[in-house]
Amino acid sequence: MKLTKNEKEILKLLLNNSKVTDSDIASKLKISSVAVGKIRRKLESSVIESYTVNLNYTKLGIQAFAIAIAKLTEQGMEKGDLEVEQELMKNAHIISVYRVPKASATHIILYGFKDLNELDNFFHAYKFKAKLHDLVETKELFTFSHNSLIKNSPTQLFYQVIDSLGEQSPKTKFDEIQNFKRRL
């Protein structure tokens, strides 16, 4: 994907503050607010999926987390990856689910809880076992407190990728040609 200089700058400003107005962006970039609106709509139809609010876990009382390395059970495989993943995403304690290409594990799951007691009850309660353990087997479970959460933002990665969009070094082009020749 290629982005113009103004598109990149607007995207970075929106990453920093999604509530920034077109007028504020226009004055920072010294372009018209009409141009900013046009660029914003283009970005919203291509790379911006939604605008979200970043909440503070600790201030909301979420103080315990768990990362599970899990594998689909036979029953889960029969039901199908997508159906099991949809079932997992319905659970309020599951923050994110990642599919991994490894034989000993199929998913990595991040959970959040108000405290360790709630975490323990969740993993040992019959309701959870009956509903999810039939589909997903937890191979390893790593628990940690909110104090252990060091970074929870991909913003720096997005900045780096945005800056490099549309750029391709001559070495990369050469490598692609060499790789193509090797396949012949």
Foldseek 3Di string as FASTA:
>chain_A
DADDPLLLQLVLVCLVPVPDQLVVSCVVVVHDSVVSVVSVVVCCVPPDVDDDDDDDCVVVQWWKKKKFFKAFDPVQVVVNDVVLVVLVVVDPQWPDKDADPDPVGGIITMGIDNDVVVVVCCVPPPVNCVRNVNTMPGPDMDMDTPVPCDDDDCSVVSSVVSVCHPDDDPVNVVVVVVVVVVVD
